[in-house]
Amino acid sequence: MPNRVAVNTAQFRELLELPGVGIEQADRIVRFRRVHGPIVDESELSRVLGWRALDESLWNRVDFSPERP
């Protein structure tokens, strides 16, 4: 299984490793964190990305921990 990505601490390039996350989505995540702080859950990440729901392949790779493991 591929490594999980800590969405709240990952660098821009690390966010691009998430399935379906491109430059625009990674930028949205970084900007959101800068203004609002950590992304708390799947629902909030979906709103940040402008998606209705997270695809299961993405959900299985995201870690919402506030700090790096």
Protein backbone atom coordinates (compact mmCIF):
# COMPACT_ATOMS: atom_id res chain seq x y z
CA MET A 1 0.00 0.00 0.00
CA PRO A 2 1.36 3.46 -0.89
CA ASN A 3 2.40 5.81 1.91
CA ARG A 4 -0.14 8.12 3.45
CA VAL A 5 0.32 11.86 2.96
CA ALA A 6 -0.08 14.16 5.98
CA VAL A 7 -2.30 16.75 4.30
CA ASN A 8 -1.71 19.31 7.07
CA THR A 9 2.08 19.27 6.95
CA ALA A 10 2.96 18.00 3.49
CA GLN A 11 4.94 20.22 1.15
CA PHE A 12 3.39 21.19 -2.19
CA ARG A 13 5.21 18.41 -4.09
CA GLU A 14 4.13 15.79 -1.56
CA LEU A 15 0.48 16.78 -2.04
CA LEU A 16 0.87 16.06 -5.75
CA GLU A 17 1.45 12.39 -4.82
CA LEU A 18 -2.20 12.08 -3.81
CA PRO A 19 -4.47 10.48 -6.44
CA GLY A 20 -6.39 13.12 -8.38
CA VAL A 21 -4.53 16.05 -6.81
CA GLY A 22 -2.90 18.29 -9.36
CA ILE A 23 -1.24 21.68 -9.18
CA GLU A 24 -4.49 23.59 -8.65
CA GLN A 25 -5.72 21.28 -5.87
CA ALA A 26 -2.34 21.25 -4.09
CA ASP A 27 -2.30 25.05 -4.24
CA ARG A 28 -5.81 25.18 -2.73
CA ILE A 29 -4.70 22.97 0.17
CA VAL A 30 -1.60 25.07 0.87
CA ARG A 31 -3.55 28.35 0.71
CA PHE A 32 -6.32 27.00 2.94
CA ARG A 33 -3.83 25.84 5.59
CA ARG A 34 -2.07 29.20 5.55
CA VAL A 35 -5.31 31.11 6.18
CA HIS A 36 -7.47 28.69 8.20
CA GLY A 37 -5.08 26.20 9.78
CA PRO A 38 -5.28 22.40 9.62
CA ILE A 39 -7.82 20.54 7.53
CA VAL A 40 -9.77 18.50 10.05
CA ASP A 41 -11.53 15.79 8.05
CA GLU A 42 -12.68 14.37 4.73
CA SER A 43 -15.61 16.77 4.46
CA GLU A 44 -13.45 19.85 4.88
CA LEU A 45 -10.85 18.54 2.40
CA SER A 46 -13.65 17.92 -0.12
CA ARG A 47 -14.79 21.54 0.27
CA VAL A 48 -11.21 22.84 -0.09
CA LEU A 49 -10.76 20.85 -3.28
CA GLY A 50 -14.21 21.79 -4.61
CA TRP A 51 -15.26 18.15 -4.84
CA ARG A 52 -18.51 16.56 -3.66
CA ALA A 53 -16.67 13.69 -1.99
CA LEU A 54 -13.22 12.19 -1.84
CA ASP A 55 -12.55 9.22 -4.05
CA GLU A 56 -11.74 6.10 -2.02
CA SER A 57 -8.22 5.96 -3.52
CA LEU A 58 -7.56 9.46 -2.17
CA TRP A 59 -9.27 8.85 1.17
CA ASN A 60 -7.01 5.84 1.80
CA ARG A 61 -3.87 7.98 1.29
CA VAL A 62 -4.76 11.05 3.39
CA ASP A 63 -3.63 11.51 6.97
CA PHE A 64 -5.27 14.42 8.83
CA SER A 65 -2.78 14.45 11.71
CA PRO A 66 -1.77 17.99 12.60
CA GLU A 67 1.92 17.01 12.80
CA ARG A 68 4.24 14.80 10.80
CA PRO A 69 4.26 11.19 12.01
